[in-house]
Amino acid sequence: MESTLIHLCNGFIKEEYFSLLGTISRIDDRLLLVSLWSITGGLALIALAFYFRARSILLVAIVASLGFWIMQGSLTIQQAQYEPRMRQIESTCFETAKGPGITWGLAAASELEDAPDQSIVGTPFSDRIAPQTTMVSPYIPVELGPLATALTDEAIALPHLLQIALALLGLLFMRRAKMREPDPAPVVNVTVPTPAAPPEAKPALPAKVPAKPKSNPQAA
């Protein structure tokens, strides 16, 4: 009976592990889709802004890039919430099967002969990730939260920062170009006198024909 329960629990744990792995894979697909939409949409808006010389489109590109950046960070936090349980299952199976070790990552590939570190299972996401992957955490004296930690990851932050920097340079360039344009010359309305029309010639009257004298029949 005990062996049956152990076998049943092992089956449940196996299904749980692969379910977690499938969820993480689906979130990876969403992250890739968000990145593609962010890069494509941002560059398209910046190109349209330079073509039409419209600074408002650059502002839209900056806001859109910030929105995609926050969305990508939120998906990263959601994905990281499944990692502790996967690490717990992997550490349990490591004693007998030396694996699996998917969540250890490429950085731990040289340590597969050693026992996995189980102290990471109960720690928050920001404590686990911030010291290794963020580019601003060494310069900030306070602890970053989960969202700030995800947003400052190099793989997430750099594409959005490049788009925002390009849009800001476009705003600066358009502002300087507008300042250098000379003011248009004032328009002076010059009225040209129109020549007077010649007087209309009156039509000539027909010549009068003199009437013939009437003959007197009594004189004859």
N, C-alpha and C. Protein backbone atom coordinates (compact mmCIF):
# COMPACT_ATOMS: atom_id res chain seq x y z
N MET A 1 0.83 -1.21 0.00
CA MET A 1 0.00 0.00 0.00
C MET A 1 0.86 1.26 0.00
N GLU A 2 1.90 1.20 0.83
CA GLU A 2 2.78 2.37 0.88
C GLU A 2 3.51 2.58 -0.43
N SER A 3 3.96 1.49 -1.03
CA SER A 3 4.64 1.63 -2.32
C SER A 3 3.71 2.13 -3.40
N THR A 4 2.43 1.74 -3.32
CA THR A 4 1.45 2.24 -4.30
C THR A 4 1.25 3.74 -4.15
N LEU A 5 1.14 4.20 -2.91
CA LEU A 5 0.98 5.64 -2.68
C LEU A 5 2.21 6.42 -3.14
N ILE A 6 3.39 5.83 -2.89
CA ILE A 6 4.61 6.50 -3.34
C ILE A 6 4.64 6.59 -4.85
N HIS A 7 4.26 5.50 -5.50
CA HIS A 7 4.24 5.52 -6.97
C HIS A 7 3.21 6.52 -7.49
N LEU A 8 2.03 6.58 -6.81
CA LEU A 8 1.00 7.52 -7.23
C LEU A 8 1.46 8.96 -7.02
N CYS A 9 2.09 9.22 -5.89
CA CYS A 9 2.59 10.58 -5.63
C CYS A 9 3.69 10.96 -6.62
N ASN A 10 4.52 10.00 -6.96
CA ASN A 10 5.56 10.29 -7.96
C ASN A 10 4.95 10.65 -9.30
N GLY A 11 3.85 9.97 -9.64
CA GLY A 11 3.17 10.32 -10.89
C GLY A 11 2.58 11.71 -10.84
N PHE A 12 1.99 12.07 -9.70
CA PHE A 12 1.44 13.42 -9.55
C PHE A 12 2.54 14.47 -9.62
N ILE A 13 3.65 14.19 -8.97
CA ILE A 13 4.76 15.15 -8.99
C ILE A 13 5.31 15.30 -10.40
N LYS A 14 5.37 14.19 -11.14
CA LYS A 14 5.85 14.25 -12.52
C LYS A 14 4.91 15.11 -13.37
N GLU A 15 3.58 14.87 -13.22
CA GLU A 15 2.62 15.68 -13.98
C GLU A 15 2.70 17.15 -13.57
N GLU A 16 2.90 17.40 -12.28
CA GLU A 16 3.02 18.78 -11.82
C GLU A 16 4.24 19.46 -12.42
N TYR A 17 5.34 18.73 -12.45
CA TYR A 17 6.58 19.31 -12.97
C TYR A 17 6.44 19.68 -14.44
N PHE A 18 5.89 18.77 -15.23
CA PHE A 18 5.75 19.06 -16.66
C PHE A 18 4.67 20.09 -16.91
N SER A 19 3.67 20.17 -16.02
CA SER A 19 2.68 21.25 -16.15
C SER A 19 3.32 22.60 -15.88
N LEU A 20 4.18 22.67 -14.86
CA LEU A 20 4.90 23.91 -14.60
C LEU A 20 5.82 24.26 -15.75
N LEU A 21 6.47 23.26 -16.30
CA LEU A 21 7.37 23.51 -17.43
C LEU A 21 6.60 24.02 -18.65
N GLY A 22 5.41 23.45 -18.89
CA GLY A 22 4.60 23.94 -20.00
C GLY A 22 4.12 25.37 -19.78
N THR A 23 3.76 25.70 -18.55
CA THR A 23 3.32 27.07 -18.25
C THR A 23 4.45 28.07 -18.48
N ILE A 24 5.65 27.71 -18.03
CA ILE A 24 6.80 28.59 -18.23
C ILE A 24 7.11 28.75 -19.72
N SER A 25 6.94 27.68 -20.48
CA SER A 25 7.19 27.76 -21.93
C SER A 25 6.17 28.68 -22.61
N ARG A 26 4.91 28.60 -22.18
CA ARG A 26 3.90 29.48 -22.77
C ARG A 26 4.17 30.95 -22.42
N ILE A 27 4.62 31.19 -21.21
CA ILE A 27 4.96 32.57 -20.85
C ILE A 27 6.17 33.05 -21.65
N ASP A 28 7.10 32.16 -21.95
CA ASP A 28 8.23 32.52 -22.81
C ASP A 28 7.75 32.95 -24.19
N ASP A 29 6.76 32.23 -24.73
CA ASP A 29 6.20 32.62 -26.03
C ASP A 29 5.55 33.99 -25.96
N ARG A 30 4.85 34.27 -24.86
CA ARG A 30 4.24 35.59 -24.72
C ARG A 30 5.30 36.69 -24.59
N LEU A 31 6.35 36.39 -23.87
CA LEU A 31 7.43 37.37 -23.74
C LEU A 31 8.07 37.67 -25.09
N LEU A 32 8.26 36.63 -25.89
CA LEU A 32 8.82 36.85 -27.23
C LEU A 32 7.87 37.67 -28.10
N LEU A 33 6.57 37.39 -28.00
CA LEU A 33 5.59 38.15 -28.77
C LEU A 33 5.56 39.61 -28.36
N VAL A 34 5.61 39.87 -27.05
CA VAL A 34 5.62 41.25 -26.57
C VAL A 34 6.88 41.98 -27.04
N SER A 35 8.02 41.29 -27.03
CA SER A 35 9.26 41.91 -27.49
C SER A 35 9.18 42.26 -28.98
N LEU A 36 8.64 41.35 -29.77
CA LEU A 36 8.53 41.61 -31.21
C LEU A 36 7.59 42.78 -31.48
N TRP A 37 6.44 42.81 -30.78
CA TRP A 37 5.51 43.92 -30.96
C TRP A 37 6.14 45.24 -30.53
N SER A 38 6.89 45.21 -29.45
CA SER A 38 7.52 46.44 -28.95
C SER A 38 8.55 46.97 -29.94
N ILE A 39 9.42 46.10 -30.43
CA ILE A 39 10.47 46.55 -31.35
C ILE A 39 9.87 47.00 -32.67
N THR A 40 8.96 46.19 -33.23
CA THR A 40 8.37 46.53 -34.53
C THR A 40 7.54 47.81 -34.45
N GLY A 41 6.65 47.87 -33.46
CA GLY A 41 5.80 49.05 -33.33
C GLY A 41 6.59 50.31 -33.00
N GLY A 42 7.58 50.20 -32.12
CA GLY A 42 8.37 51.37 -31.76
C GLY A 42 9.16 51.93 -32.93
N LEU A 43 9.84 51.05 -33.67
CA LEU A 43 10.61 51.52 -34.81
C LEU A 43 9.71 52.07 -35.92
N ALA A 44 8.54 51.46 -36.10
CA ALA A 44 7.61 51.98 -37.11
C ALA A 44 7.12 53.38 -36.74
N LEU A 45 6.78 53.59 -35.47
CA LEU A 45 6.34 54.92 -35.05
C LEU A 45 7.45 55.95 -35.17
N ILE A 46 8.67 55.57 -34.85
CA ILE A 46 9.79 56.51 -34.96
C ILE A 46 10.04 56.87 -36.43
N ALA A 47 9.94 55.87 -37.31
CA ALA A 47 10.12 56.15 -38.74
C ALA A 47 9.02 57.08 -39.26
N LEU A 48 7.78 56.85 -38.85
CA LEU A 48 6.69 57.74 -39.26
C LEU A 48 6.88 59.15 -38.72
N ALA A 49 7.39 59.26 -37.52
CA ALA A 49 7.61 60.58 -36.94
C ALA A 49 8.65 61.36 -37.72
N PHE A 50 9.74 60.71 -38.14
CA PHE A 50 10.75 61.40 -38.94
C PHE A 50 10.23 61.72 -40.33
N TYR A 51 9.38 60.87 -40.86
CA TYR A 51 8.86 61.11 -42.21
C TYR A 51 7.91 62.30 -42.23
N PHE A 52 7.02 62.38 -41.24
CA PHE A 52 6.04 63.47 -41.20
C PHE A 52 6.51 64.65 -40.36
N ARG A 53 7.72 64.55 -39.76
CA ARG A 53 8.22 65.63 -38.91
C ARG A 53 7.24 65.94 -37.79
N ALA A 54 6.70 64.88 -37.17
CA ALA A 54 5.68 65.04 -36.13
C ALA A 54 6.26 64.58 -34.80
N ARG A 55 6.42 65.52 -33.88
CA ARG A 55 6.93 65.17 -32.57
C ARG A 55 5.91 64.42 -31.73
N SER A 56 4.63 64.60 -32.02
CA SER A 56 3.60 63.89 -31.26
C SER A 56 3.71 62.38 -31.45
N ILE A 57 4.11 61.94 -32.65
CA ILE A 57 4.25 60.50 -32.88
C ILE A 57 5.41 59.94 -32.06
N LEU A 58 6.46 60.72 -31.86
CA LEU A 58 7.57 60.27 -31.02
C LEU A 58 7.12 60.12 -29.57
N LEU A 59 6.27 61.01 -29.11
CA LEU A 59 5.74 60.87 -27.75
C LEU A 59 4.90 59.60 -27.62
N VAL A 60 4.13 59.29 -28.65
CA VAL A 60 3.35 58.04 -28.65
C VAL A 60 4.28 56.83 -28.61
N ALA A 61 5.39 56.90 -29.34
CA ALA A 61 6.36 55.79 -29.35
C ALA A 61 6.98 55.59 -27.97
N ILE A 62 7.27 56.68 -27.26
CA ILE A 62 7.84 56.56 -25.91
C ILE A 62 6.84 55.92 -24.96
N VAL A 63 5.59 56.37 -25.00
CA VAL A 63 4.56 55.82 -24.11
C VAL A 63 4.33 54.34 -24.43
N ALA A 64 4.30 53.99 -25.72
CA ALA A 64 4.10 52.59 -26.09
C ALA A 64 5.26 51.71 -25.62
N SER A 65 6.48 52.21 -25.75
CA SER A 65 7.63 51.44 -25.29
C SER A 65 7.60 51.22 -23.79
N LEU A 66 7.20 52.25 -23.03
CA LEU A 66 7.08 52.08 -21.58
C LEU A 66 6.00 51.06 -21.22
N GLY A 67 4.90 51.08 -21.97
CA GLY A 67 3.84 50.11 -21.70
C GLY A 67 4.28 48.68 -21.97
N PHE A 68 4.96 48.46 -23.10
CA PHE A 68 5.47 47.12 -23.40
C PHE A 68 6.53 46.70 -22.38
N TRP A 69 7.31 47.65 -21.91
CA TRP A 69 8.35 47.35 -20.91
C TRP A 69 7.71 46.84 -19.61
N ILE A 70 6.69 47.53 -19.13
CA ILE A 70 6.01 47.11 -17.91
C ILE A 70 5.30 45.77 -18.12
N MET A 71 4.70 45.58 -19.29
CA MET A 71 4.03 44.31 -19.57
C MET A 71 5.02 43.15 -19.56
N GLN A 72 6.19 43.36 -20.15
CA GLN A 72 7.19 42.31 -20.17
C GLN A 72 7.72 42.02 -18.77
N GLY A 73 7.90 43.05 -17.94
CA GLY A 73 8.33 42.82 -16.57
C GLY A 73 7.29 42.06 -15.76
N SER A 74 6.00 42.36 -15.98
CA SER A 74 4.94 41.64 -15.26
C SER A 74 4.91 40.17 -15.65
N LEU A 75 5.09 39.87 -16.94
CA LEU A 75 5.13 38.47 -17.37
C LEU A 75 6.35 37.75 -16.79
N THR A 76 7.46 38.46 -16.66
CA THR A 76 8.65 37.84 -16.07
C THR A 76 8.43 37.49 -14.60
N ILE A 77 7.74 38.36 -13.86
CA ILE A 77 7.42 38.07 -12.47
C ILE A 77 6.50 36.85 -12.38
N GLN A 78 5.50 36.81 -13.26
CA GLN A 78 4.58 35.67 -13.26
C GLN A 78 5.33 34.37 -13.56
N GLN A 79 6.28 34.43 -14.47
CA GLN A 79 7.05 33.24 -14.80
C GLN A 79 7.93 32.80 -13.64
N ALA A 80 8.53 33.77 -12.94
CA ALA A 80 9.45 33.44 -11.85
C ALA A 80 8.75 32.83 -10.65
N GLN A 81 7.43 33.01 -10.54
CA GLN A 81 6.71 32.44 -9.40
C GLN A 81 6.65 30.92 -9.45
N TYR A 82 6.83 30.33 -10.62
CA TYR A 82 6.80 28.87 -10.75
C TYR A 82 8.18 28.24 -10.52
N GLU A 83 9.22 29.04 -10.50
CA GLU A 83 10.57 28.49 -10.40
C GLU A 83 10.88 27.84 -9.05
N PRO A 84 10.46 28.40 -7.90
CA PRO A 84 10.79 27.73 -6.63
C PRO A 84 10.25 26.30 -6.52
N ARG A 85 9.02 26.09 -6.96
CA ARG A 85 8.45 24.73 -6.89
C ARG A 85 9.21 23.79 -7.83
N MET A 86 9.59 24.24 -8.99
CA MET A 86 10.36 23.39 -9.90
C MET A 86 11.72 23.05 -9.29
N ARG A 87 12.33 24.02 -8.63
CA ARG A 87 13.62 23.76 -7.98
C ARG A 87 13.46 22.76 -6.83
N GLN A 88 12.34 22.84 -6.14
CA GLN A 88 12.11 21.91 -5.04
C GLN A 88 11.97 20.48 -5.56
N ILE A 89 11.22 20.32 -6.66
CA ILE A 89 11.07 18.98 -7.24
C ILE A 89 12.41 18.48 -7.77
N GLU A 90 13.18 19.36 -8.40
CA GLU A 90 14.47 18.95 -8.94
C GLU A 90 15.44 18.55 -7.84
N SER A 91 15.45 19.29 -6.74
CA SER A 91 16.36 18.95 -5.65
C SER A 91 15.97 17.63 -4.99
N THR A 92 14.66 17.30 -4.98
CA THR A 92 14.22 16.03 -4.41
C THR A 92 14.65 14.85 -5.28
N CYS A 93 14.57 15.05 -6.60
CA CYS A 93 14.94 13.97 -7.52
C CYS A 93 16.44 13.87 -7.76
N PHE A 94 17.17 14.86 -7.32
CA PHE A 94 18.60 14.87 -7.63
C PHE A 94 19.34 13.76 -6.89
N GLU A 95 18.88 13.39 -5.69
CA GLU A 95 19.60 12.40 -4.90
C GLU A 95 19.60 11.03 -5.56
N THR A 96 18.54 10.70 -6.28
CA THR A 96 18.43 9.37 -6.89
C THR A 96 18.72 9.38 -8.38
N ALA A 97 18.28 10.44 -9.10
CA ALA A 97 18.38 10.43 -10.55
C ALA A 97 19.34 11.46 -11.12
N LYS A 98 19.97 12.28 -10.25
CA LYS A 98 20.87 13.34 -10.72
C LYS A 98 20.18 14.29 -11.70
N GLY A 99 18.94 14.55 -11.49
CA GLY A 99 18.21 15.46 -12.37
C GLY A 99 16.72 15.37 -12.11
N PRO A 100 15.94 16.12 -12.83
CA PRO A 100 16.30 17.11 -13.84
C PRO A 100 16.86 18.40 -13.22
N GLY A 101 17.47 19.21 -14.06
CA GLY A 101 18.07 20.45 -13.59
C GLY A 101 17.81 21.61 -14.52
N ILE A 102 16.54 21.74 -14.98
CA ILE A 102 16.21 22.77 -15.96
C ILE A 102 16.36 24.16 -15.36
N THR A 103 15.92 24.34 -14.14
CA THR A 103 15.91 25.69 -13.56
C THR A 103 17.28 26.14 -13.07
N TRP A 104 18.26 25.27 -13.11
CA TRP A 104 19.59 25.70 -12.66
C TRP A 104 20.22 26.66 -13.64
N GLY A 105 19.86 26.52 -14.90
CA GLY A 105 20.38 27.45 -15.90
C GLY A 105 21.76 27.06 -16.38
N LEU A 106 22.22 27.80 -17.38
CA LEU A 106 23.53 27.53 -17.96
C LEU A 106 24.66 27.89 -17.02
N ALA A 107 24.41 28.83 -16.08
CA ALA A 107 25.46 29.23 -15.16
C ALA A 107 25.83 28.11 -14.21
N ALA A 108 24.90 27.19 -13.93
CA ALA A 108 25.16 26.10 -12.99
C ALA A 108 25.50 24.80 -13.70
N ALA A 109 25.82 24.86 -14.99
CA ALA A 109 26.10 23.63 -15.74
C ALA A 109 27.34 22.93 -15.23
N SER A 110 28.30 23.68 -14.71
CA SER A 110 29.53 23.06 -14.21
C SER A 110 29.36 22.48 -12.82
N GLU A 111 28.18 22.69 -12.18
CA GLU A 111 27.98 22.22 -10.81
C GLU A 111 26.98 21.06 -10.74
N LEU A 112 26.77 20.38 -11.83
CA LEU A 112 25.78 19.31 -11.85
C LEU A 112 26.21 18.12 -11.00
N GLU A 113 27.49 17.99 -10.71
CA GLU A 113 27.95 16.88 -9.88
C GLU A 113 27.70 17.13 -8.41
N ASP A 114 27.43 18.38 -8.04
CA ASP A 114 27.19 18.72 -6.64
C ASP A 114 25.69 18.74 -6.36
N ALA A 115 25.35 18.70 -5.10
CA ALA A 115 23.94 18.75 -4.71
C ALA A 115 23.38 20.15 -4.97
N PRO A 116 22.14 20.27 -5.44
CA PRO A 116 21.56 21.60 -5.69
C PRO A 116 21.31 22.35 -4.40
N ASP A 117 21.36 23.64 -4.50
CA ASP A 117 21.15 24.51 -3.34
C ASP A 117 19.66 24.65 -3.10
N GLN A 118 19.15 24.17 -1.96
CA GLN A 118 17.73 24.25 -1.64
C GLN A 118 17.36 25.52 -0.90
N SER A 119 18.36 26.33 -0.54
CA SER A 119 18.05 27.55 0.21
C SER A 119 17.36 28.58 -0.64
N ILE A 120 17.40 28.41 -1.94
CA ILE A 120 16.78 29.39 -2.84
C ILE A 120 15.29 29.18 -2.96
N VAL A 121 14.77 28.06 -2.46
CA VAL A 121 13.37 27.73 -2.67
C VAL A 121 12.44 28.71 -1.97
N GLY A 122 12.75 29.08 -0.74
CA GLY A 122 11.84 29.91 0.02
C GLY A 122 12.12 31.39 -0.04
N THR A 123 13.10 31.82 -0.81
CA THR A 123 13.45 33.24 -0.85
C THR A 123 12.61 33.97 -1.88
N PRO A 124 12.34 35.27 -1.68
CA PRO A 124 11.55 36.03 -2.66
C PRO A 124 12.26 36.15 -4.00
N PHE A 125 11.47 36.53 -4.98
CA PHE A 125 12.02 36.66 -6.34
C PHE A 125 13.10 37.73 -6.41
N SER A 126 12.86 38.87 -5.74
CA SER A 126 13.84 39.96 -5.83
C SER A 126 15.17 39.58 -5.18
N ASP A 127 15.11 38.78 -4.09
CA ASP A 127 16.36 38.36 -3.44
C ASP A 127 17.12 37.35 -4.28
N ARG A 128 16.39 36.56 -5.06
CA ARG A 128 17.05 35.54 -5.85
C ARG A 128 17.68 36.10 -7.12
N ILE A 129 17.02 37.07 -7.72
CA ILE A 129 17.41 37.49 -9.06
C ILE A 129 18.21 38.79 -9.06
N ALA A 130 17.87 39.72 -8.17
CA ALA A 130 18.45 41.06 -8.24
C ALA A 130 19.98 41.08 -8.20
N PRO A 131 20.66 40.35 -7.31
CA PRO A 131 22.12 40.48 -7.26
C PRO A 131 22.83 39.95 -8.50
N GLN A 132 22.18 39.09 -9.28
CA GLN A 132 22.87 38.49 -10.42
C GLN A 132 22.54 39.14 -11.75
N THR A 133 21.28 39.51 -11.97
CA THR A 133 20.87 39.86 -13.31
C THR A 133 20.55 41.33 -13.53
N THR A 134 20.36 42.13 -12.50
CA THR A 134 20.04 43.52 -12.72
C THR A 134 21.30 44.35 -12.90
N MET A 135 21.17 45.41 -13.69
CA MET A 135 22.34 46.24 -13.99
C MET A 135 22.40 47.49 -13.13
N VAL A 136 21.36 47.75 -12.35
CA VAL A 136 21.36 48.95 -11.50
C VAL A 136 21.34 48.62 -10.02
N SER A 137 21.11 47.37 -9.66
CA SER A 137 21.02 47.03 -8.24
C SER A 137 22.31 47.31 -7.46
N PRO A 138 23.53 47.17 -8.04
CA PRO A 138 24.72 47.52 -7.24
C PRO A 138 24.82 48.99 -6.90
N TYR A 139 24.11 49.85 -7.64
CA TYR A 139 24.22 51.29 -7.43
C TYR A 139 23.04 51.86 -6.63
N ILE A 140 22.09 51.01 -6.23
CA ILE A 140 20.93 51.47 -5.48
C ILE A 140 21.04 50.95 -4.05
N PRO A 141 21.00 51.83 -3.05
CA PRO A 141 21.19 51.36 -1.67
C PRO A 141 20.00 50.61 -1.11
N VAL A 142 18.82 50.75 -1.72
CA VAL A 142 17.62 50.09 -1.20
C VAL A 142 17.35 48.82 -2.00
N GLU A 143 16.56 47.94 -1.40
CA GLU A 143 16.21 46.69 -2.07
C GLU A 143 15.12 46.93 -3.11
N LEU A 144 15.31 46.38 -4.27
CA LEU A 144 14.34 46.54 -5.34
C LEU A 144 13.21 45.54 -5.16
N GLY A 145 12.01 45.97 -5.54
CA GLY A 145 10.87 45.08 -5.52
C GLY A 145 10.88 44.14 -6.71
N PRO A 146 9.93 43.22 -6.77
CA PRO A 146 9.91 42.26 -7.89
C PRO A 146 9.77 42.92 -9.25
N LEU A 147 8.86 43.91 -9.37
CA LEU A 147 8.67 44.55 -10.66
C LEU A 147 9.90 45.35 -11.07
N ALA A 148 10.47 46.11 -10.13
CA ALA A 148 11.68 46.88 -10.44
C ALA A 148 12.84 45.97 -10.79
N THR A 149 12.92 44.83 -10.13
CA THR A 149 13.99 43.88 -10.44
C THR A 149 13.84 43.33 -11.85
N ALA A 150 12.61 43.01 -12.23
CA ALA A 150 12.38 42.49 -13.58
C ALA A 150 12.62 43.56 -14.63
N LEU A 151 12.22 44.80 -14.35
CA LEU A 151 12.37 45.87 -15.34
C LEU A 151 13.83 46.24 -15.56
N THR A 152 14.68 46.05 -14.56
CA THR A 152 16.08 46.41 -14.71
C THR A 152 16.95 45.27 -15.21
N ASP A 153 16.34 44.17 -15.57
CA ASP A 153 17.10 43.08 -16.18
C ASP A 153 17.59 43.52 -17.56
N GLU A 154 18.84 43.20 -17.89
CA GLU A 154 19.43 43.68 -19.14
C GLU A 154 18.66 43.21 -20.36
N ALA A 155 18.25 41.95 -20.37
CA ALA A 155 17.56 41.41 -21.54
C ALA A 155 16.21 42.08 -21.77
N ILE A 156 15.60 42.58 -20.71
CA ILE A 156 14.29 43.24 -20.84
C ILE A 156 14.46 44.74 -21.06
N ALA A 157 15.39 45.36 -20.35
CA ALA A 157 15.47 46.81 -20.35
C ALA A 157 16.14 47.39 -21.59
N LEU A 158 17.19 46.74 -22.09
CA LEU A 158 17.98 47.35 -23.16
C LEU A 158 17.19 47.67 -24.43
N PRO A 159 16.37 46.74 -24.98
CA PRO A 159 15.62 47.12 -26.19
C PRO A 159 14.71 48.32 -26.00
N HIS A 160 14.04 48.39 -24.85
CA HIS A 160 13.13 49.51 -24.61
C HIS A 160 13.90 50.81 -24.36
N LEU A 161 15.02 50.71 -23.65
CA LEU A 161 15.82 51.91 -23.42
C LEU A 161 16.39 52.46 -24.73
N LEU A 162 16.78 51.59 -25.64
CA LEU A 162 17.30 52.06 -26.94
C LEU A 162 16.21 52.76 -27.73
N GLN A 163 14.99 52.22 -27.72
CA GLN A 163 13.90 52.88 -28.44
C GLN A 163 13.56 54.23 -27.82
N ILE A 164 13.52 54.29 -26.49
CA ILE A 164 13.21 55.56 -25.84
C ILE A 164 14.30 56.58 -26.10
N ALA A 165 15.57 56.15 -26.07
CA ALA A 165 16.67 57.07 -26.36
C ALA A 165 16.60 57.57 -27.79
N LEU A 166 16.27 56.69 -28.73
CA LEU A 166 16.15 57.12 -30.13
C LEU A 166 15.01 58.11 -30.31
N ALA A 167 13.89 57.88 -29.62
CA ALA A 167 12.77 58.81 -29.72
C ALA A 167 13.12 60.17 -29.09
N LEU A 168 13.84 60.16 -27.98
CA LEU A 168 14.24 61.43 -27.36
C LEU A 168 15.22 62.19 -28.24
N LEU A 169 16.14 61.47 -28.90
CA LEU A 169 17.04 62.14 -29.84
C LEU A 169 16.27 62.73 -31.01
N GLY A 170 15.25 62.02 -31.46
CA GLY A 170 14.41 62.58 -32.52
C GLY A 170 13.69 63.84 -32.10
N LEU A 171 13.19 63.87 -30.85
CA LEU A 171 12.55 65.09 -30.35
C LEU A 171 13.53 66.25 -30.29
N LEU A 172 14.75 65.98 -29.83
CA LEU A 172 15.75 67.03 -29.75
C LEU A 172 16.14 67.52 -31.14
N PHE A 173 16.30 66.61 -32.08
CA PHE A 173 16.66 66.99 -33.44
C PHE A 173 15.57 67.84 -34.09
N MET A 174 14.32 67.44 -33.92
CA MET A 174 13.23 68.21 -34.52
C MET A 174 13.09 69.58 -33.87
N ARG A 175 13.36 69.66 -32.59
CA ARG A 175 13.27 70.96 -31.92
C ARG A 175 14.35 71.90 -32.43
N ARG A 176 15.58 71.40 -32.57
CA ARG A 176 16.65 72.25 -33.10
C ARG A 176 16.41 72.64 -34.54
N ALA A 177 15.89 71.70 -35.32
CA ALA A 177 15.60 72.02 -36.72
C ALA A 177 14.52 73.09 -36.83
N LYS A 178 13.55 73.07 -35.92
CA LYS A 178 12.50 74.08 -35.95
C LYS A 178 13.04 75.43 -35.51
N MET A 179 13.98 75.45 -34.56
CA MET A 179 14.55 76.72 -34.11
C MET A 179 15.41 77.36 -35.19
N ARG A 180 16.04 76.57 -36.04
CA ARG A 180 16.90 77.11 -37.08
C ARG A 180 16.12 77.61 -38.29
N GLU A 181 14.89 77.24 -38.43
CA GLU A 181 14.13 77.69 -39.58
C GLU A 181 13.89 79.19 -39.49
N PRO A 182 14.17 79.96 -40.57
CA PRO A 182 13.92 81.41 -40.53
C PRO A 182 12.43 81.71 -40.49
N ASP A 183 12.13 82.81 -39.85
CA ASP A 183 10.74 83.22 -39.79
C ASP A 183 10.26 83.61 -41.18
N PRO A 184 9.08 83.27 -41.54
CA PRO A 184 8.57 83.64 -42.87
C PRO A 184 8.42 85.14 -43.00
N ALA A 185 8.75 85.66 -44.18
CA ALA A 185 8.64 87.10 -44.44
C ALA A 185 7.19 87.53 -44.38
N PRO A 186 6.96 88.73 -43.84
CA PRO A 186 5.56 89.18 -43.77
C PRO A 186 4.98 89.38 -45.16
N VAL A 187 3.77 89.00 -45.30
CA VAL A 187 3.08 89.12 -46.58
C VAL A 187 2.46 90.50 -46.68
N VAL A 188 2.86 91.25 -47.72
CA VAL A 188 2.35 92.61 -47.96
C VAL A 188 1.37 92.55 -49.12
N ASN A 189 0.19 92.99 -48.87
CA ASN A 189 -0.83 93.00 -49.93
C ASN A 189 -0.65 94.25 -50.78
N VAL A 190 -0.21 94.08 -51.98
CA VAL A 190 -0.01 95.18 -52.92
C VAL A 190 -1.18 95.18 -53.89
N THR A 191 -1.91 96.29 -53.89
CA THR A 191 -3.07 96.39 -54.79
C THR A 191 -2.63 97.05 -56.08
N VAL A 192 -2.76 96.38 -57.15
CA VAL A 192 -2.40 96.90 -58.47
C VAL A 192 -3.64 97.56 -59.07
N PRO A 193 -3.54 98.89 -59.43
CA PRO A 193 -4.74 99.54 -60.00
C PRO A 193 -5.11 98.92 -61.33
N THR A 194 -6.33 98.66 -61.46
CA THR A 194 -6.83 98.07 -62.72
C THR A 194 -7.13 99.20 -63.70
N PRO A 195 -6.71 99.09 -64.94
CA PRO A 195 -6.98 100.14 -65.93
C PRO A 195 -8.47 100.29 -66.17
N ALA A 196 -8.88 101.58 -66.32
CA ALA A 196 -10.30 101.86 -66.55
C ALA A 196 -10.71 101.38 -67.92
N ALA A 197 -11.87 100.86 -68.00
CA ALA A 197 -12.38 100.35 -69.29
C ALA A 197 -12.73 101.53 -70.19
N PRO A 198 -12.41 101.49 -71.50
CA PRO A 198 -12.76 102.59 -72.43
C PRO A 198 -14.25 102.75 -72.53
N PRO A 199 -14.70 104.02 -72.71
CA PRO A 199 -16.16 104.24 -72.81
C PRO A 199 -16.73 103.52 -74.03
N GLU A 200 -17.89 103.00 -73.83
CA GLU A 200 -18.52 102.26 -74.93
C GLU A 200 -18.97 103.24 -76.02
N ALA A 201 -18.67 102.95 -77.26
CA ALA A 201 -19.07 103.80 -78.41
C ALA A 201 -20.55 103.64 -78.68
N LYS A 202 -21.21 104.80 -78.83
CA LYS A 202 -22.64 104.74 -79.11
C LYS A 202 -22.85 104.35 -80.57
N PRO A 203 -23.86 103.60 -80.84
CA PRO A 203 -24.10 103.19 -82.25
C PRO A 203 -24.55 104.39 -83.09
N ALA A 204 -24.03 104.49 -84.32
CA ALA A 204 -24.36 105.62 -85.21
C ALA A 204 -25.81 105.52 -85.68
N LEU A 205 -26.45 106.70 -85.71
CA LEU A 205 -27.85 106.73 -86.14
C LEU A 205 -27.90 106.65 -87.66
N PRO A 206 -28.89 106.04 -88.22
CA PRO A 206 -28.98 105.96 -89.70
C PRO A 206 -29.29 107.35 -90.29
N ALA A 207 -28.73 107.66 -91.48
CA ALA A 207 -28.94 108.96 -92.14
C ALA A 207 -30.38 109.09 -92.61
N LYS A 208 -30.93 110.32 -92.43
CA LYS A 208 -32.31 110.57 -92.85
C LYS A 208 -32.37 110.82 -94.35
N VAL A 209 -33.28 110.14 -95.01
CA VAL A 209 -33.47 110.32 -96.47
C VAL A 209 -34.47 111.47 -96.66
N PRO A 210 -34.10 112.54 -97.47
CA PRO A 210 -35.04 113.66 -97.67
C PRO A 210 -36.29 113.21 -98.41
N ALA A 211 -37.41 113.71 -97.95
CA ALA A 211 -38.69 113.30 -98.56
C ALA A 211 -38.89 114.02 -99.89
N LYS A 212 -39.47 113.40 -100.87
CA LYS A 212 -39.74 113.97 -102.19
C LYS A 212 -40.93 114.91 -102.11
N PRO A 213 -40.86 116.09 -102.80
CA PRO A 213 -42.01 117.01 -102.79
C PRO A 213 -43.21 116.41 -103.50
N LYS A 214 -44.38 116.63 -102.93
CA LYS A 214 -45.60 116.09 -103.55
C LYS A 214 -46.02 116.96 -104.74
N SER A 215 -46.46 116.36 -105.81
CA SER A 215 -46.92 117.09 -107.04
C SER A 215 -48.35 117.58 -106.82
N ASN A 216 -48.68 118.87 -107.39
CA ASN A 216 -50.01 119.44 -107.23
C ASN A 216 -50.80 119.17 -108.52
N PRO A 217 -51.81 118.38 -108.48
CA PRO A 217 -52.53 118.08 -109.72
C PRO A 217 -53.37 119.28 -110.23
N GLN A 218 -53.79 120.24 -109.44
CA GLN A 218 -54.61 121.38 -109.88
C GLN A 218 -53.81 122.33 -110.76
N ALA A 219 -52.52 122.42 -110.53
CA ALA A 219 -51.71 123.36 -111.32
C ALA A 219 -51.62 122.89 -112.74
N ALA A 220 -51.70 121.66 -113.00
CA ALA A 220 -51.64 121.17 -114.36
C ALA A 220 -52.94 121.44 -115.06
